[in-house]
PDB file of N, CA and C in Angstrom:
ATOM      1  N   MET A   1       6.074 -13.813 -15.112  1.00  0.00           N
ATOM      2  CA  MET A   1       5.136 -14.263 -16.112  1.00  0.00           C
ATOM      3  C   MET A   1       3.831 -13.496 -15.888  1.00  0.00           C
ATOM      4  N   THR A   2       3.291 -12.967 -16.962  1.00  0.00           N
ATOM      5  CA  THR A   2       2.041 -12.231 -16.826  1.00  0.00           C
ATOM      6  C   THR A   2       0.868 -13.189 -16.762  1.00  0.00           C
ATOM      7  N   GLU A   3      -0.283 -12.636 -16.385  1.00  0.00           N
ATOM      8  CA  GLU A   3      -1.476 -13.472 -16.267  1.00  0.00           C
ATOM      9  C   GLU A   3      -1.898 -14.021 -17.636  1.00  0.00           C
ATOM     10  N   ALA A   4      -1.754 -13.221 -18.677  1.00  0.00           N
ATOM     11  CA  ALA A   4      -2.135 -13.657 -20.031  1.00  0.00           C
ATOM     12  C   ALA A   4      -1.222 -14.792 -20.500  1.00  0.00           C
ATOM     13  N   THR A   5       0.061 -14.677 -20.216  1.00  0.00           N
ATOM     14  CA  THR A   5       1.002 -15.728 -20.598  1.00  0.00           C
ATOM     15  C   THR A   5       0.707 -17.008 -19.848  1.00  0.00           C
ATOM     16  N   ALA A   6       0.383 -16.894 -18.571  1.00  0.00           N
ATOM     17  CA  ALA A   6       0.066 -18.068 -17.768  1.00  0.00           C
ATOM     18  C   ALA A   6      -1.159 -18.786 -18.318  1.00  0.00           C
ATOM     19  N   LYS A   7      -2.164 -18.021 -18.757  1.00  0.00           N
ATOM     20  CA  LYS A   7      -3.372 -18.634 -19.310  1.00  0.00           C
ATOM     21  C   LYS A   7      -3.063 -19.350 -20.628  1.00  0.00           C
ATOM     22  N   ARG A   8      -2.241 -18.733 -21.488  1.00  0.00           N
ATOM     23  CA  ARG A   8      -1.907 -19.348 -22.785  1.00  0.00           C
ATOM     24  C   ARG A   8      -1.136 -20.647 -22.598  1.00  0.00           C
ATOM     25  N   THR A   9      -0.167 -20.697 -21.736  1.00  0.00           N
ATOM     26  CA  THR A   9       0.637 -21.900 -21.544  1.00  0.00           C
ATOM     27  C   THR A   9      -0.115 -22.969 -20.784  1.00  0.00           C
ATOM     28  N   ALA A  10      -0.993 -22.585 -19.885  1.00  0.00           N
ATOM     29  CA  ALA A  10      -1.743 -23.572 -19.106  1.00  0.00           C
ATOM     30  C   ALA A  10      -2.758 -24.308 -19.971  1.00  0.00           C
ATOM     31  N   GLY A  11      -3.256 -23.654 -21.028  1.00  0.00           N
ATOM     32  CA  GLY A  11      -4.288 -24.257 -21.860  1.00  0.00           C
ATOM     33  C   GLY A  11      -3.756 -25.155 -22.966  1.00  0.00           C
ATOM     34  N   LYS A  12      -2.477 -25.257 -23.137  1.00  0.00           N
ATOM     35  CA  LYS A  12      -1.925 -26.072 -24.223  1.00  0.00           C
ATOM     36  C   LYS A  12      -2.111 -27.557 -23.928  1.00  0.00           C
ATOM     37  N   ARG A  13      -2.491 -28.259 -24.948  1.00  0.00           N
ATOM     38  CA  ARG A  13      -2.620 -29.715 -24.824  1.00  0.00           C
ATOM     39  C   ARG A  13      -1.262 -30.351 -25.077  1.00  0.00           C
ATOM     40  N   PRO A  14      -1.065 -31.515 -24.515  1.00  0.00           N
ATOM     41  CA  PRO A  14       0.196 -32.203 -24.817  1.00  0.00           C
ATOM     42  C   PRO A  14       0.226 -32.583 -26.302  1.00  0.00           C
ATOM     43  N   ALA A  15       1.412 -32.635 -26.843  1.00  0.00           N
ATOM     44  CA  ALA A  15       1.570 -32.972 -28.267  1.00  0.00           C
ATOM     45  C   ALA A  15       0.986 -34.357 -28.539  1.00  0.00           C
ATOM     46  N   ARG A  16       0.266 -34.450 -29.641  1.00  0.00           N
ATOM     47  CA  ARG A  16      -0.341 -35.719 -30.021  1.00  0.00           C
ATOM     48  C   ARG A  16       0.750 -36.666 -30.508  1.00  0.00           C
ATOM     49  N   LYS A  17       0.698 -37.888 -30.028  1.00  0.00           N
ATOM     50  CA  LYS A  17       1.676 -38.890 -30.445  1.00  0.00           C
ATOM     51  C   LYS A  17       1.394 -39.260 -31.903  1.00  0.00           C
ATOM     52  N   PRO A  18       2.400 -39.183 -32.768  1.00  0.00           N
ATOM     53  CA  PRO A  18       2.168 -39.482 -34.177  1.00  0.00           C
ATOM     54  C   PRO A  18       1.771 -40.944 -34.381  1.00  0.00           C
ATOM     55  N   ASP A  19       0.840 -41.154 -35.299  1.00  0.00           N
ATOM     56  CA  ASP A  19       0.379 -42.495 -35.629  1.00  0.00           C
ATOM     57  C   ASP A  19       1.478 -43.214 -36.415  1.00  0.00           C
ATOM     58  N   PRO A  20       1.967 -44.365 -35.922  1.00  0.00           N
ATOM     59  CA  PRO A  20       3.055 -45.051 -36.620  1.00  0.00           C
ATOM     60  C   PRO A  20       2.673 -45.490 -38.035  1.00  0.00           C
ATOM     61  N   VAL A  21       1.419 -45.846 -38.251  1.00  0.00           N
ATOM     62  CA  VAL A  21       0.986 -46.258 -39.588  1.00  0.00           C
ATOM     63  C   VAL A  21       1.076 -45.076 -40.553  1.00  0.00           C
ATOM     64  N   GLU A  22       0.635 -43.897 -40.115  1.00  0.00           N
ATOM     65  CA  GLU A  22       0.715 -42.709 -40.960  1.00  0.00           C
ATOM     66  C   GLU A  22       2.159 -42.367 -41.281  1.00  0.00           C
ATOM     67  N   GLN A  23       3.048 -42.509 -40.298  1.00  0.00           N
ATOM     68  CA  GLN A  23       4.463 -42.223 -40.538  1.00  0.00           C
ATOM     69  C   GLN A  23       5.045 -43.194 -41.562  1.00  0.00           C
ATOM     70  N   ILE A  24       4.706 -44.465 -41.430  1.00  0.00           N
ATOM     71  CA  ILE A  24       5.235 -45.474 -42.353  1.00  0.00           C
ATOM     72  C   ILE A  24       4.678 -45.250 -43.753  1.00  0.00           C
ATOM     73  N   LEU A  25       3.384 -44.961 -43.864  1.00  0.00           N
ATOM     74  CA  LEU A  25       2.794 -44.716 -45.183  1.00  0.00           C
ATOM     75  C   LEU A  25       3.401 -43.478 -45.841  1.00  0.00           C
ATOM     76  N   ALA A  26       3.747 -42.475 -45.055  1.00  0.00           N
ATOM     77  CA  ALA A  26       4.428 -41.299 -45.602  1.00  0.00           C
ATOM     78  C   ALA A  26       5.798 -41.685 -46.156  1.00  0.00           C
ATOM     79  N   GLU A  27       6.509 -42.559 -45.447  1.00  0.00           N
ATOM     80  CA  GLU A  27       7.799 -43.039 -45.943  1.00  0.00           C
ATOM     81  C   GLU A  27       7.619 -43.825 -47.243  1.00  0.00           C
ATOM     82  N   VAL A  28       6.582 -44.651 -47.286  1.00  0.00           N
ATOM     83  CA  VAL A  28       6.299 -45.440 -48.491  1.00  0.00           C
ATOM     84  C   VAL A  28       6.008 -44.507 -49.666  1.00  0.00           C
ATOM     85  N   LYS A  29       5.205 -43.474 -49.438  1.00  0.00           N
ATOM     86  CA  LYS A  29       4.893 -42.521 -50.509  1.00  0.00           C
ATOM     87  C   LYS A  29       6.146 -41.856 -51.047  1.00  0.00           C
ATOM     88  N   ARG A  30       7.067 -41.511 -50.150  1.00  0.00           N
ATOM     89  CA  ARG A  30       8.316 -40.868 -50.585  1.00  0.00           C
ATOM     90  C   ARG A  30       9.160 -41.801 -51.441  1.00  0.00           C
ATOM     91  N   ARG A  31       9.058 -43.104 -51.221  1.00  0.00           N
ATOM     92  CA  ARG A  31       9.898 -44.067 -51.934  1.00  0.00           C
ATOM     93  C   ARG A  31       9.232 -44.680 -53.164  1.00  0.00           C
ATOM     94  N   THR A  32       7.948 -44.416 -53.355  1.00  0.00           N
ATOM     95  CA  THR A  32       7.222 -45.016 -54.471  1.00  0.00           C
ATOM     96  C   THR A  32       7.515 -44.258 -55.748  1.00  0.00           C
ATOM     97  N   SER A  33       7.907 -44.998 -56.786  1.00  0.00           N
ATOM     98  CA  SER A  33       8.172 -44.369 -58.073  1.00  0.00           C
ATOM     99  C   SER A  33       6.911 -44.419 -58.934  1.00  0.00           C
ATOM    100  N   PRO A  34       6.627 -43.358 -59.654  1.00  0.00           N
ATOM    101  CA  PRO A  34       5.426 -43.346 -60.484  1.00  0.00           C
ATOM    102  C   PRO A  34       5.567 -44.313 -61.663  1.00  0.00           C
ATOM    103  N   GLY A  35       4.454 -44.851 -62.097  1.00  0.00           N
ATOM    104  CA  GLY A  35       4.457 -45.695 -63.287  1.00  0.00           C
ATOM    105  C   GLY A  35       4.751 -47.157 -63.046  1.00  0.00           C
ATOM    106  N   SER A  36       4.910 -47.578 -61.794  1.00  0.00           N
ATOM    107  CA  SER A  36       5.259 -48.973 -61.536  1.00  0.00           C
ATOM    108  C   SER A  36       4.107 -49.923 -61.840  1.00  0.00           C
ATOM    109  N   GLY A  37       2.884 -49.418 -61.995  1.00  0.00           N
ATOM    110  CA  GLY A  37       1.737 -50.260 -62.282  1.00  0.00           C
ATOM    111  C   GLY A  37       1.539 -50.531 -63.764  1.00  0.00           C
ATOM    112  N   ALA A  38       2.434 -50.041 -64.616  1.00  0.00           N
ATOM    113  CA  ALA A  38       2.279 -50.193 -66.059  1.00  0.00           C
ATOM    114  C   ALA A  38       2.607 -51.601 -66.541  1.00  0.00           C
ATOM    115  N   ILE A  39       3.159 -52.427 -65.698  1.00  0.00           N
ATOM    116  CA  ILE A  39       3.486 -53.795 -66.100  1.00  0.00           C
ATOM    117  C   ILE A  39       2.462 -54.754 -65.488  1.00  0.00           C
ATOM    118  N   PRO A  40       2.261 -55.926 -66.130  1.00  0.00           N
ATOM    119  CA  PRO A  40       1.270 -56.864 -65.588  1.00  0.00           C
ATOM    120  C   PRO A  40       1.739 -57.485 -64.273  1.00  0.00           C
ATOM    121  N   LEU A  41       0.790 -57.956 -63.486  1.00  0.00           N
ATOM    122  CA  LEU A  41       1.121 -58.610 -62.216  1.00  0.00           C
ATOM    123  C   LEU A  41       1.934 -59.875 -62.464  1.00  0.00           C
ATOM    124  N   HIS A  42       1.513 -60.667 -63.415  1.00  0.00           N
ATOM    125  CA  HIS A  42       2.206 -61.926 -63.731  1.00  0.00           C
ATOM    126  C   HIS A  42       2.986 -61.751 -65.023  1.00  0.00           C
ATOM    127  N   GLY A  43       4.305 -61.759 -64.931  1.00  0.00           N
ATOM    128  CA  GLY A  43       5.153 -61.568 -66.105  1.00  0.00           C
ATOM    129  C   GLY A  43       5.786 -62.871 -66.564  1.00  0.00           C
ATOM    130  N   GLY A  44       6.779 -62.745 -67.394  1.00  0.00           N
ATOM    131  CA  GLY A  44       7.485 -63.906 -67.913  1.00  0.00           C
ATOM    132  C   GLY A  44       6.877 -64.418 -69.209  1.00  0.00           C
ATOM    133  N   ALA A  45       7.557 -65.386 -69.816  1.00  0.00           N
ATOM    134  CA  ALA A  45       7.085 -65.962 -71.074  1.00  0.00           C
ATOM    135  C   ALA A  45       5.790 -66.746 -70.874  1.00  0.00           C
ATOM    136  N   ASP A  46       5.623 -67.340 -69.686  1.00  0.00           N
ATOM    137  CA  ASP A  46       4.423 -68.117 -69.383  1.00  0.00           C
ATOM    138  C   ASP A  46       3.907 -67.689 -68.011  1.00  0.00           C
ATOM    139  N   PRO A  47       3.078 -66.629 -67.974  1.00  0.00           N
ATOM    140  CA  PRO A  47       2.600 -66.116 -66.682  1.00  0.00           C
ATOM    141  C   PRO A  47       1.878 -67.163 -65.831  1.00  0.00           C
ATOM    142  N   LYS A  48       1.184 -68.094 -66.475  1.00  0.00           N
ATOM    143  CA  LYS A  48       0.471 -69.131 -65.715  1.00  0.00           C
ATOM    144  C   LYS A  48       1.473 -69.998 -64.947  1.00  0.00           C
ATOM    145  N   LYS A  49       2.596 -70.307 -65.587  1.00  0.00           N
ATOM    146  CA  LYS A  49       3.633 -71.113 -64.939  1.00  0.00           C
ATOM    147  C   LYS A  49       4.186 -70.378 -63.704  1.00  0.00           C
ATOM    148  N   GLY A  50       4.386 -69.081 -63.840  1.00  0.00           N
ATOM    149  CA  GLY A  50       4.871 -68.289 -62.709  1.00  0.00           C
ATOM    150  C   GLY A  50       3.872 -68.259 -61.565  1.00  0.00           C
ATOM    151  N   ARG A  51       2.588 -68.100 -61.894  1.00  0.00           N
ATOM    152  CA  ARG A  51       1.551 -68.083 -60.877  1.00  0.00           C
ATOM    153  C   ARG A  51       1.487 -69.409 -60.139  1.00  0.00           C
ATOM    154  N   LEU A  52       1.634 -70.514 -60.877  1.00  0.00           N
ATOM    155  CA  LEU A  52       1.640 -71.835 -60.252  1.00  0.00           C
ATOM    156  C   LEU A  52       2.843 -72.008 -59.332  1.00  0.00           C
ATOM    157  N   TYR A  53       3.987 -71.465 -59.747  1.00  0.00           N
ATOM    158  CA  TYR A  53       5.181 -71.495 -58.898  1.00  0.00           C
ATOM    159  C   TYR A  53       4.903 -70.748 -57.587  1.00  0.00           C
ATOM    160  N   HIS A  54       4.285 -69.570 -57.695  1.00  0.00           N
ATOM    161  CA  HIS A  54       3.973 -68.785 -56.491  1.00  0.00           C
ATOM    162  C   HIS A  54       3.008 -69.536 -55.583  1.00  0.00           C
ATOM    163  N   ALA A  55       2.046 -70.234 -56.177  1.00  0.00           N
ATOM    164  CA  ALA A  55       1.090 -71.014 -55.376  1.00  0.00           C
ATOM    165  C   ALA A  55       1.813 -72.144 -54.637  1.00  0.00           C
ATOM    166  N   ALA A  56       2.764 -72.801 -55.315  1.00  0.00           N
ATOM    167  CA  ALA A  56       3.524 -73.874 -54.672  1.00  0.00           C
ATOM    168  C   ALA A  56       4.386 -73.324 -53.538  1.00  0.00           C
ATOM    169  N   GLU A  57       4.987 -72.158 -53.739  1.00  0.00           N
ATOM    170  CA  GLU A  57       5.798 -71.533 -52.685  1.00  0.00           C
ATOM    171  C   GLU A  57       4.926 -71.111 -51.507  1.00  0.00           C
ATOM    172  N   MET A  58       3.715 -70.644 -51.796  1.00  0.00           N
ATOM    173  CA  MET A  58       2.794 -70.287 -50.719  1.00  0.00           C
ATOM    174  C   MET A  58       2.500 -71.521 -49.863  1.00  0.00           C
ATOM    175  N   ASP A  59       2.223 -72.639 -50.521  1.00  0.00           N
ATOM    176  CA  ASP A  59       1.955 -73.882 -49.790  1.00  0.00           C
ATOM    177  C   ASP A  59       3.176 -74.297 -48.960  1.00  0.00           C
ATOM    178  N   ARG A  60       4.361 -74.155 -49.558  1.00  0.00           N
ATOM    179  CA  ARG A  60       5.592 -74.529 -48.860  1.00  0.00           C
ATOM    180  C   ARG A  60       5.780 -73.668 -47.614  1.00  0.00           C
ATOM    181  N   TRP A  61       5.578 -72.344 -47.740  1.00  0.00           N
ATOM    182  CA  TRP A  61       5.742 -71.455 -46.592  1.00  0.00           C
ATOM    183  C   TRP A  61       4.634 -71.641 -45.564  1.00  0.00           C
ATOM    184  N   PHE A  62       3.449 -72.034 -46.006  1.00  0.00           N
ATOM    185  CA  PHE A  62       2.382 -72.356 -45.065  1.00  0.00           C
ATOM    186  C   PHE A  62       2.820 -73.510 -44.174  1.00  0.00           C
ATOM    187  N   GLU A  63       3.409 -74.544 -44.775  1.00  0.00           N
ATOM    188  CA  GLU A  63       3.879 -75.710 -44.011  1.00  0.00           C
ATOM    189  C   GLU A  63       5.049 -75.340 -43.097  1.00  0.00           C
ATOM    190  N   ILE A  64       5.960 -74.525 -43.597  1.00  0.00           N
ATOM    191  CA  ILE A  64       7.092 -74.077 -42.771  1.00  0.00           C
ATOM    192  C   ILE A  64       6.560 -73.319 -41.551  1.00  0.00           C
ATOM    193  N   ASN A  65       5.604 -72.433 -41.778  1.00  0.00           N
ATOM    194  CA  ASN A  65       5.038 -71.655 -40.670  1.00  0.00           C
ATOM    195  C   ASN A  65       4.287 -72.539 -39.689  1.00  0.00           C
ATOM    196  N   ARG A  66       3.582 -73.534 -40.197  1.00  0.00           N
ATOM    197  CA  ARG A  66       2.868 -74.465 -39.315  1.00  0.00           C
ATOM    198  C   ARG A  66       3.861 -75.217 -38.437  1.00  0.00           C
ATOM    199  N   THR A  67       4.947 -75.692 -39.028  1.00  0.00           N
ATOM    200  CA  THR A  67       5.988 -76.401 -38.280  1.00  0.00           C
ATOM    201  C   THR A  67       6.639 -75.485 -37.244  1.00  0.00           C
ATOM    202  N   ARG A  68       6.932 -74.257 -37.648  1.00  0.00           N
ATOM    203  CA  ARG A  68       7.513 -73.295 -36.711  1.00  0.00           C
ATOM    204  C   ARG A  68       6.565 -73.018 -35.547  1.00  0.00           C
ATOM    205  N   ASP A  69       5.270 -72.849 -35.865  1.00  0.00           N
ATOM    206  CA  ASP A  69       4.283 -72.581 -34.814  1.00  0.00           C
ATOM    207  C   ASP A  69       4.213 -73.734 -33.819  1.00  0.00           C
ATOM    208  N   GLU A  70       4.201 -74.945 -34.350  1.00  0.00           N
ATOM    209  CA  GLU A  70       4.137 -76.126 -33.477  1.00  0.00           C
ATOM    210  C   GLU A  70       5.358 -76.220 -32.575  1.00  0.00           C
ATOM    211  N   ALA A  71       6.500 -75.777 -33.076  1.00  0.00           N
ATOM    212  CA  ALA A  71       7.729 -75.816 -32.290  1.00  0.00           C
ATOM    213  C   ALA A  71       7.872 -74.583 -31.388  1.00  0.00           C
ATOM    214  N   GLY A  72       6.935 -73.640 -31.508  1.00  0.00           N
ATOM    215  CA  GLY A  72       7.020 -72.425 -30.699  1.00  0.00           C
ATOM    216  C   GLY A  72       8.039 -71.430 -31.211  1.00  0.00           C
ATOM    217  N   ASN A  73       8.325 -71.472 -32.531  1.00  0.00           N
ATOM    218  CA  ASN A  73       9.324 -70.585 -33.124  1.00  0.00           C
ATOM    219  C   ASN A  73       8.773 -69.793 -34.312  1.00  0.00           C
ATOM    220  N   PRO A  74       7.649 -69.090 -34.136  1.00  0.00           N
ATOM    221  CA  PRO A  74       7.111 -68.340 -35.275  1.00  0.00           C
ATOM    222  C   PRO A  74       7.994 -67.147 -35.617  1.00  0.00           C
ATOM    223  N   GLY A  75       7.829 -66.626 -36.817  1.00  0.00           N
ATOM    224  CA  GLY A  75       8.583 -65.436 -37.215  1.00  0.00           C
ATOM    225  C   GLY A  75       7.838 -64.673 -38.293  1.00  0.00           C
ATOM    226  N   HIS A  76       8.031 -63.357 -38.281  1.00  0.00           N
ATOM    227  CA  HIS A  76       7.393 -62.544 -39.320  1.00  0.00           C
ATOM    228  C   HIS A  76       7.946 -62.861 -40.705  1.00  0.00           C
ATOM    229  N   ASP A  77       9.178 -63.317 -40.781  1.00  0.00           N
ATOM    230  CA  ASP A  77       9.764 -63.601 -42.090  1.00  0.00           C
ATOM    231  C   ASP A  77       8.938 -64.623 -42.859  1.00  0.00           C
ATOM    232  N   GLY A  78       8.627 -65.729 -42.220  1.00  0.00           N
ATOM    233  CA  GLY A  78       7.853 -66.776 -42.877  1.00  0.00           C
ATOM    234  C   GLY A  78       6.440 -66.343 -43.196  1.00  0.00           C
ATOM    235  N   ARG A  79       5.812 -65.614 -42.273  1.00  0.00           N
ATOM    236  CA  ARG A  79       4.444 -65.147 -42.503  1.00  0.00           C
ATOM    237  C   ARG A  79       4.395 -64.154 -43.661  1.00  0.00           C
ATOM    238  N   LEU A  80       5.411 -63.311 -43.724  1.00  0.00           N
ATOM    239  CA  LEU A  80       5.455 -62.321 -44.795  1.00  0.00           C
ATOM    240  C   LEU A  80       5.662 -63.011 -46.149  1.00  0.00           C
ATOM    241  N   LEU A  81       6.557 -64.001 -46.189  1.00  0.00           N
ATOM    242  CA  LEU A  81       6.770 -64.730 -47.440  1.00  0.00           C
ATOM    243  C   LEU A  81       5.513 -65.481 -47.866  1.00  0.00           C
ATOM    244  N   GLU A  82       4.821 -66.070 -46.918  1.00  0.00           N
ATOM    245  CA  GLU A  82       3.560 -66.743 -47.245  1.00  0.00           C
ATOM    246  C   GLU A  82       2.566 -65.744 -47.838  1.00  0.00           C
ATOM    247  N   SER A  83       2.507 -64.545 -47.274  1.00  0.00           N
ATOM    248  CA  SER A  83       1.608 -63.508 -47.787  1.00  0.00           C
ATOM    249  C   SER A  83       2.009 -63.041 -49.179  1.00  0.00           C
ATOM    250  N   VAL A  84       3.311 -62.903 -49.403  1.00  0.00           N
ATOM    251  CA  VAL A  84       3.799 -62.498 -50.727  1.00  0.00           C
ATOM    252  C   VAL A  84       3.365 -63.520 -51.775  1.00  0.00           C
ATOM    253  N   TYR A  85       3.667 -64.783 -51.516  1.00  0.00           N
ATOM    254  CA  TYR A  85       3.337 -65.821 -52.491  1.00  0.00           C
ATOM    255  C   TYR A  85       1.833 -66.001 -52.649  1.00  0.00           C
ATOM    256  N   PHE A  86       1.073 -65.799 -51.568  1.00  0.00           N
ATOM    257  CA  PHE A  86      -0.381 -65.865 -51.675  1.00  0.00           C
ATOM    258  C   PHE A  86      -0.881 -64.782 -52.626  1.00  0.00           C
ATOM    259  N   ALA A  87      -0.397 -63.556 -52.429  1.00  0.00           N
ATOM    260  CA  ALA A  87      -0.830 -62.442 -53.286  1.00  0.00           C
ATOM    261  C   ALA A  87      -0.459 -62.686 -54.746  1.00  0.00           C
ATOM    262  N   LEU A  88       0.740 -63.171 -54.987  1.00  0.00           N
ATOM    263  CA  LEU A  88       1.192 -63.398 -56.363  1.00  0.00           C
ATOM    264  C   LEU A  88       0.544 -64.606 -57.021  1.00  0.00           C
ATOM    265  N   SER A  89      -0.030 -65.488 -56.243  1.00  0.00           N
ATOM    266  CA  SER A  89      -0.646 -66.681 -56.814  1.00  0.00           C
ATOM    267  C   SER A  89      -2.096 -66.456 -57.242  1.00  0.00           C
ATOM    268  N   GLN A  90      -2.650 -65.291 -56.918  1.00  0.00           N
ATOM    269  CA  GLN A  90      -4.050 -65.030 -57.246  1.00  0.00           C
ATOM    270  C   GLN A  90      -4.242 -64.844 -58.745  1.00  0.00           C
ATOM    271  N   LEU A  91      -5.238 -65.481 -59.287  1.00  0.00           N
ATOM    272  CA  LEU A  91      -5.545 -65.376 -60.710  1.00  0.00           C
ATOM    273  C   LEU A  91      -6.426 -64.155 -60.981  1.00  0.00           C
ATOM    274  N   ASP A  92      -7.397 -63.933 -60.115  1.00  0.00           N
ATOM    275  CA  ASP A  92      -8.310 -62.809 -60.263  1.00  0.00           C
ATOM    276  C   ASP A  92      -7.631 -61.531 -59.765  1.00  0.00           C
ATOM    277  N   GLU A  93      -7.657 -60.467 -60.570  1.00  0.00           N
ATOM    278  CA  GLU A  93      -6.958 -59.236 -60.200  1.00  0.00           C
ATOM    279  C   GLU A  93      -7.576 -58.544 -58.982  1.00  0.00           C
ATOM    280  N   VAL A  94      -8.891 -58.668 -58.805  1.00  0.00           N
ATOM    281  CA  VAL A  94      -9.534 -58.080 -57.620  1.00  0.00           C
ATOM    282  C   VAL A  94      -9.047 -58.808 -56.364  1.00  0.00           C
ATOM    283  N   GLU A  95      -8.982 -60.136 -56.431  1.00  0.00           N
ATOM    284  CA  GLU A  95      -8.482 -60.909 -55.290  1.00  0.00           C
ATOM    285  C   GLU A  95      -7.000 -60.642 -55.066  1.00  0.00           C
ATOM    286  N   ALA A  96      -6.248 -60.471 -56.151  1.00  0.00           N
ATOM    287  CA  ALA A  96      -4.819 -60.160 -56.029  1.00  0.00           C
ATOM    288  C   ALA A  96      -4.631 -58.812 -55.340  1.00  0.00           C
ATOM    289  N   ARG A  97      -5.449 -57.836 -55.711  1.00  0.00           N
ATOM    290  CA  ARG A  97      -5.355 -56.514 -55.087  1.00  0.00           C
ATOM    291  C   ARG A  97      -5.658 -56.606 -53.593  1.00  0.00           C
ATOM    292  N   ASP A  98      -6.707 -57.337 -53.242  1.00  0.00           N
ATOM    293  CA  ASP A  98      -7.058 -57.508 -51.842  1.00  0.00           C
ATOM    294  C   ASP A  98      -5.911 -58.175 -51.075  1.00  0.00           C
ATOM    295  N   ALA A  99      -5.295 -59.177 -51.689  1.00  0.00           N
ATOM    296  CA  ALA A  99      -4.165 -59.857 -51.053  1.00  0.00           C
ATOM    297  C   ALA A  99      -2.966 -58.917 -50.917  1.00  0.00           C
ATOM    298  N   MET A 100      -2.754 -58.048 -51.902  1.00  0.00           N
ATOM    299  CA  MET A 100      -1.653 -57.078 -51.835  1.00  0.00           C
ATOM    300  C   MET A 100      -1.881 -56.073 -50.705  1.00  0.00           C
ATOM    301  N   ILE A 101      -3.141 -55.665 -50.509  1.00  0.00           N
ATOM    302  CA  ILE A 101      -3.454 -54.757 -49.401  1.00  0.00           C
ATOM    303  C   ILE A 101      -3.161 -55.465 -48.071  1.00  0.00           C
ATOM    304  N   GLY A 102      -3.530 -56.732 -47.983  1.00  0.00           N
ATOM    305  CA  GLY A 102      -3.216 -57.508 -46.783  1.00  0.00           C
ATOM    306  C   GLY A 102      -1.716 -57.631 -46.567  1.00  0.00           C
ATOM    307  N   LEU A 103      -0.985 -57.846 -47.651  1.00  0.00           N
ATOM    308  CA  LEU A 103       0.476 -57.928 -47.588  1.00  0.00           C
ATOM    309  C   LEU A 103       1.059 -56.599 -47.107  1.00  0.00           C
ATOM    310  N   ALA A 104       0.564 -55.507 -47.662  1.00  0.00           N
ATOM    311  CA  ALA A 104       1.046 -54.185 -47.247  1.00  0.00           C
ATOM    312  C   ALA A 104       0.755 -53.941 -45.766  1.00  0.00           C
ATOM    313  N   ALA A 105      -0.435 -54.340 -45.317  1.00  0.00           N
ATOM    314  CA  ALA A 105      -0.786 -54.170 -43.904  1.00  0.00           C
ATOM    315  C   ALA A 105       0.158 -54.975 -43.016  1.00  0.00           C
ATOM    316  N   HIS A 106       0.477 -56.184 -43.461  1.00  0.00           N
ATOM    317  CA  HIS A 106       1.399 -57.028 -42.697  1.00  0.00           C
ATOM    318  C   HIS A 106       2.781 -56.365 -42.630  1.00  0.00           C
ATOM    319  N   ALA A 107       3.247 -55.850 -43.769  1.00  0.00           N
ATOM    320  CA  ALA A 107       4.558 -55.198 -43.804  1.00  0.00           C
ATOM    321  C   ALA A 107       4.585 -53.953 -42.916  1.00  0.00           C
ATOM    322  N   VAL A 108       3.497 -53.175 -42.929  1.00  0.00           N
ATOM    323  CA  VAL A 108       3.421 -51.978 -42.083  1.00  0.00           C
ATOM    324  C   VAL A 108       3.443 -52.364 -40.609  1.00  0.00           C
ATOM    325  N   LYS A 109       2.723 -53.424 -40.267  1.00  0.00           N
ATOM    326  CA  LYS A 109       2.692 -53.899 -38.875  1.00  0.00           C
ATOM    327  C   LYS A 109       4.111 -54.269 -38.407  1.00  0.00           C
ATOM    328  N   ILE A 110       4.866 -54.925 -39.266  1.00  0.00           N
ATOM    329  CA  ILE A 110       6.238 -55.312 -38.912  1.00  0.00           C
ATOM    330  C   ILE A 110       7.123 -54.069 -38.818  1.00  0.00           C
ATOM    331  N   ALA A 111       7.011 -53.186 -39.820  1.00  0.00           N
ATOM    332  CA  ALA A 111       7.845 -51.977 -39.841  1.00  0.00           C
ATOM    333  C   ALA A 111       7.605 -51.110 -38.607  1.00  0.00           C
ATOM    334  N   ALA A 112       6.387 -51.116 -38.094  1.00  0.00           N
ATOM    335  CA  ALA A 112       6.057 -50.274 -36.938  1.00  0.00           C
ATOM    336  C   ALA A 112       6.802 -50.680 -35.684  1.00  0.00           C
ATOM    337  N   VAL A 113       7.220 -51.929 -35.589  1.00  0.00           N
ATOM    338  CA  VAL A 113       7.912 -52.381 -34.369  1.00  0.00           C
ATOM    339  C   VAL A 113       9.429 -52.456 -34.551  1.00  0.00           C
ATOM    340  N   LEU A 114       9.916 -52.252 -35.762  1.00  0.00           N
ATOM    341  CA  LEU A 114      11.360 -52.262 -36.002  1.00  0.00           C
ATOM    342  C   LEU A 114      11.944 -50.875 -35.794  1.00  0.00           C
ATOM    343  N   PRO A 115      13.213 -50.791 -35.388  1.00  0.00           N
ATOM    344  CA  PRO A 115      13.814 -49.470 -35.171  1.00  0.00           C
ATOM    345  C   PRO A 115      14.026 -48.717 -36.489  1.00  0.00           C
ATOM    346  N   LYS A 116      13.860 -47.395 -36.421  1.00  0.00           N
ATOM    347  CA  LYS A 116      14.094 -46.542 -37.591  1.00  0.00           C
ATOM    348  C   LYS A 116      15.577 -46.296 -37.765  1.00  0.00           C
ATOM    349  N   GLY A 117      15.978 -46.204 -39.006  1.00  0.00           N
ATOM    350  CA  GLY A 117      17.359 -45.823 -39.307  1.00  0.00           C
ATOM    351  C   GLY A 117      17.448 -44.330 -39.546  1.00  0.00           C
ATOM    352  N   PRO A 118      18.619 -43.838 -39.822  1.00  0.00           N
ATOM    353  CA  PRO A 118      18.805 -42.381 -39.999  1.00  0.00           C
ATOM    354  C   PRO A 118      18.137 -41.833 -41.256  1.00  0.00           C
ATOM    355  N   THR A 119      17.826 -42.662 -42.259  1.00  0.00           N
ATOM    356  CA  THR A 119      17.235 -42.166 -43.492  1.00  0.00           C
ATOM    357  C   THR A 119      15.717 -42.158 -43.459  1.00  0.00           C
ATOM    358  N   ALA A 120      15.096 -42.670 -42.412  1.00  0.00           N
ATOM    359  CA  ALA A 120      13.633 -42.787 -42.372  1.00  0.00           C
ATOM    360  C   ALA A 120      12.951 -41.469 -42.200  1.00  0.00           C
TER     361      ALA A 120
END
């Protein structure tokens, strides 16, 4: 090994560990179809009725999660469902967007600790 080669290899930094959030968001971008925002947040013949249903489900999952916590059996499934229904129950679109960002953050946090499959 020449002196120049030794200097070049000695100065290399170790590879930076990829940020799991960036990797997951890249996967999300690859799977997102354009135009999905063209429909309203609350659909159906009576959007208010649907929003009320989501609010009731949010309350139900809040109670399920509280019971699970008290028993020492929490799970991401219940927390994620509570977040979904919370986001869908929002009447104000700004608050709904904020809740959706929180939901996405929760989903990314869960995805970061689950094993990747061959298609990821």
